[in-house]
Amino acid sequence: MKKNTKYKVHYKNDRLDQAAESMYDVERFEEALILAHQHVDNLNQIEGTGWRIIGLYEILYSYEKYLASIH
């Protein structure tokens, strides 16, 4: 069984001058991206338009994984 990876997503709405963030614990980056887009759709339905994703980051808890990612 593959271990899940944690991803943090940052959202911004310039019209409302607000920001938000969420965390996802999934196997692949693509899954986190899909969930982030679904969250933006929900925010835009509830609070009005203007929400967008400004960052999607993998949270590196393993020092070995971090070293492998920068080489």
N, C-alpha and C. Protein backbone atom coordinates (compact mmCIF):
# COMPACT_ATOMS: atom_id res chain seq x y z
N MET A 1 0.84 -1.18 0.00
CA MET A 1 0.00 0.00 0.00
C MET A 1 0.89 1.25 0.00
N LYS A 2 0.62 2.14 -0.90
CA LYS A 2 1.39 3.37 -1.03
C LYS A 2 0.99 4.36 0.07
N LYS A 3 1.99 5.01 0.63
CA LYS A 3 1.74 6.00 1.68
C LYS A 3 1.24 7.30 1.06
N ASN A 4 0.26 7.90 1.69
CA ASN A 4 -0.27 9.17 1.21
C ASN A 4 0.73 10.30 1.47
N THR A 5 0.58 11.34 0.68
CA THR A 5 1.39 12.54 0.81
C THR A 5 0.48 13.69 1.20
N LYS A 6 0.98 14.59 2.02
CA LYS A 6 0.18 15.75 2.42
C LYS A 6 0.47 16.91 1.48
N TYR A 7 -0.60 17.61 1.08
CA TYR A 7 -0.49 18.78 0.22
C TYR A 7 -1.22 19.94 0.87
N LYS A 8 -0.65 21.13 0.76
CA LYS A 8 -1.29 22.34 1.25
C LYS A 8 -1.62 23.21 0.05
N VAL A 9 -2.84 23.75 0.06
CA VAL A 9 -3.30 24.60 -1.05
C VAL A 9 -3.65 25.97 -0.49
N HIS A 10 -3.21 27.00 -1.20
CA HIS A 10 -3.54 28.38 -0.84
C HIS A 10 -4.46 28.95 -1.91
N TYR A 11 -5.50 29.65 -1.45
CA TYR A 11 -6.49 30.27 -2.32
C TYR A 11 -6.52 31.77 -2.06
N LYS A 12 -6.94 32.53 -3.06
CA LYS A 12 -7.01 33.99 -2.92
C LYS A 12 -8.24 34.49 -3.64
N ASN A 13 -8.85 35.52 -3.06
CA ASN A 13 -9.95 36.22 -3.71
C ASN A 13 -9.64 37.70 -3.61
N ASP A 14 -9.17 38.29 -4.71
CA ASP A 14 -8.80 39.71 -4.72
C ASP A 14 -10.01 40.62 -4.54
N ARG A 15 -11.15 40.21 -5.06
CA ARG A 15 -12.35 41.02 -4.94
C ARG A 15 -12.78 41.18 -3.48
N LEU A 16 -12.70 40.09 -2.72
CA LEU A 16 -13.08 40.12 -1.31
C LEU A 16 -11.91 40.43 -0.39
N ASP A 17 -10.71 40.49 -0.94
CA ASP A 17 -9.48 40.70 -0.16
C ASP A 17 -9.37 39.65 0.95
N GLN A 18 -9.54 38.38 0.54
CA GLN A 18 -9.48 37.26 1.48
C GLN A 18 -8.58 36.16 0.93
N ALA A 19 -8.07 35.36 1.86
CA ALA A 19 -7.27 34.20 1.50
C ALA A 19 -7.77 33.02 2.31
N ALA A 20 -7.48 31.82 1.83
CA ALA A 20 -7.87 30.60 2.52
C ALA A 20 -6.83 29.54 2.22
N GLU A 21 -6.84 28.48 3.01
CA GLU A 21 -5.95 27.35 2.73
C GLU A 21 -6.63 26.07 3.16
N SER A 22 -6.16 24.97 2.60
CA SER A 22 -6.66 23.66 2.98
C SER A 22 -5.53 22.65 2.84
N MET A 23 -5.72 21.51 3.49
CA MET A 23 -4.73 20.43 3.44
C MET A 23 -5.42 19.18 2.89
N TYR A 24 -4.68 18.43 2.09
CA TYR A 24 -5.18 17.18 1.54
C TYR A 24 -4.15 16.08 1.79
N ASP A 25 -4.62 14.91 2.14
CA ASP A 25 -3.79 13.75 2.40
C ASP A 25 -4.16 12.69 1.37
N VAL A 26 -3.45 12.70 0.24
CA VAL A 26 -3.79 11.83 -0.88
C VAL A 26 -2.52 11.17 -1.43
N GLU A 27 -2.69 10.23 -2.35
CA GLU A 27 -1.54 9.51 -2.91
C GLU A 27 -0.78 10.31 -3.96
N ARG A 28 -1.51 11.08 -4.79
CA ARG A 28 -0.85 11.74 -5.92
C ARG A 28 -1.18 13.22 -5.98
N PHE A 29 -0.26 13.98 -6.59
CA PHE A 29 -0.43 15.42 -6.79
C PHE A 29 -1.72 15.71 -7.54
N GLU A 30 -2.01 14.90 -8.56
CA GLU A 30 -3.19 15.11 -9.39
C GLU A 30 -4.47 15.05 -8.57
N GLU A 31 -4.50 14.15 -7.58
CA GLU A 31 -5.67 14.05 -6.71
C GLU A 31 -5.85 15.33 -5.88
N ALA A 32 -4.75 15.85 -5.38
CA ALA A 32 -4.81 17.10 -4.61
C ALA A 32 -5.28 18.24 -5.49
N LEU A 33 -4.82 18.29 -6.72
CA LEU A 33 -5.22 19.34 -7.64
C LEU A 33 -6.72 19.28 -7.95
N ILE A 34 -7.24 18.09 -8.15
CA ILE A 34 -8.67 17.91 -8.41
C ILE A 34 -9.48 18.39 -7.20
N LEU A 35 -9.07 17.99 -6.00
CA LEU A 35 -9.77 18.41 -4.79
C LEU A 35 -9.70 19.92 -4.60
N ALA A 36 -8.56 20.51 -4.92
CA ALA A 36 -8.40 21.96 -4.80
C ALA A 36 -9.35 22.69 -5.75
N HIS A 37 -9.46 22.20 -6.98
CA HIS A 37 -10.39 22.83 -7.94
C HIS A 37 -11.84 22.67 -7.50
N GLN A 38 -12.17 21.52 -6.93
CA GLN A 38 -13.53 21.33 -6.40
C GLN A 38 -13.80 22.31 -5.26
N HIS A 39 -12.79 22.54 -4.42
CA HIS A 39 -12.94 23.48 -3.31
C HIS A 39 -13.14 24.91 -3.82
N VAL A 40 -12.40 25.29 -4.86
CA VAL A 40 -12.57 26.62 -5.47
C VAL A 40 -13.99 26.75 -6.03
N ASP A 41 -14.47 25.72 -6.69
CA ASP A 41 -15.84 25.76 -7.22
C ASP A 41 -16.85 25.96 -6.10
N ASN A 42 -16.66 25.26 -4.98
CA ASN A 42 -17.57 25.41 -3.83
C ASN A 42 -17.49 26.81 -3.24
N LEU A 43 -16.27 27.33 -3.09
CA LEU A 43 -16.11 28.70 -2.55
C LEU A 43 -16.81 29.71 -3.45
N ASN A 44 -16.66 29.55 -4.75
CA ASN A 44 -17.26 30.50 -5.69
C ASN A 44 -18.78 30.40 -5.70
N GLN A 45 -19.33 29.22 -5.44
CA GLN A 45 -20.78 29.07 -5.36
C GLN A 45 -21.33 29.69 -4.07
N ILE A 46 -20.61 29.53 -2.98
CA ILE A 46 -21.08 30.01 -1.67
C ILE A 46 -20.85 31.51 -1.50
N GLU A 47 -19.65 31.96 -1.83
CA GLU A 47 -19.26 33.34 -1.51
C GLU A 47 -19.20 34.27 -2.72
N GLY A 48 -19.51 33.79 -3.87
CA GLY A 48 -19.40 34.61 -5.07
C GLY A 48 -18.11 34.32 -5.81
N THR A 49 -17.99 34.89 -6.99
CA THR A 49 -16.84 34.59 -7.84
C THR A 49 -15.57 35.28 -7.36
N GLY A 50 -14.47 34.83 -7.90
CA GLY A 50 -13.20 35.49 -7.63
C GLY A 50 -12.16 34.60 -6.96
N TRP A 51 -12.55 33.44 -6.43
CA TRP A 51 -11.58 32.57 -5.78
C TRP A 51 -10.73 31.87 -6.83
N ARG A 52 -9.44 31.74 -6.53
CA ARG A 52 -8.50 31.04 -7.42
C ARG A 52 -7.42 30.38 -6.58
N ILE A 53 -6.79 29.38 -7.14
CA ILE A 53 -5.68 28.69 -6.49
C ILE A 53 -4.41 29.50 -6.75
N ILE A 54 -3.67 29.80 -5.71
CA ILE A 54 -2.41 30.53 -5.91
C ILE A 54 -1.20 29.67 -5.56
N GLY A 55 -1.42 28.52 -4.97
CA GLY A 55 -0.29 27.63 -4.67
C GLY A 55 -0.76 26.27 -4.22
N LEU A 56 -0.04 25.24 -4.66
CA LEU A 56 -0.29 23.87 -4.24
C LEU A 56 1.07 23.26 -3.94
N TYR A 57 1.29 22.92 -2.68
CA TYR A 57 2.61 22.51 -2.23
C TYR A 57 2.57 21.14 -1.58
N GLU A 58 3.57 20.33 -1.89
CA GLU A 58 3.74 19.07 -1.18
C GLU A 58 4.45 19.37 0.14
N ILE A 59 3.94 18.80 1.21
CA ILE A 59 4.55 18.98 2.52
C ILE A 59 5.58 17.87 2.70
N LEU A 60 6.85 18.22 2.79
CA LEU A 60 7.92 17.23 2.89
C LEU A 60 8.26 16.99 4.36
N TYR A 61 7.83 15.84 4.87
CA TYR A 61 8.13 15.47 6.25
C TYR A 61 9.39 14.63 6.35
N SER A 62 9.78 14.01 5.25
CA SER A 62 10.94 13.13 5.26
C SER A 62 12.16 13.87 4.72
N TYR A 63 13.22 13.92 5.51
CA TYR A 63 14.45 14.60 5.09
C TYR A 63 15.03 13.92 3.85
N GLU A 64 14.97 12.59 3.79
CA GLU A 64 15.48 11.86 2.63
C GLU A 64 14.70 12.22 1.37
N LYS A 65 13.38 12.33 1.50
CA LYS A 65 12.55 12.70 0.35
C LYS A 65 12.86 14.13 -0.09
N TYR A 66 13.09 15.00 0.88
CA TYR A 66 13.46 16.38 0.55
C TYR A 66 14.77 16.41 -0.22
N LEU A 67 15.77 15.70 0.26
CA LEU A 67 17.07 15.67 -0.43
C LEU A 67 16.93 15.13 -1.85
N ALA A 68 16.11 14.09 -2.03
CA ALA A 68 15.91 13.53 -3.36
C ALA A 68 15.21 14.50 -4.28
N SER A 69 14.38 15.37 -3.74
CA SER A 69 13.63 16.30 -4.58
C SER A 69 14.46 17.48 -5.08
N ILE A 70 15.56 17.78 -4.42
CA ILE A 70 16.36 18.94 -4.83
C ILE A 70 17.58 18.56 -5.65
N HIS A 71 17.78 17.28 -5.89
CA HIS A 71 18.95 16.84 -6.68
C HIS A 71 18.56 16.36 -8.02
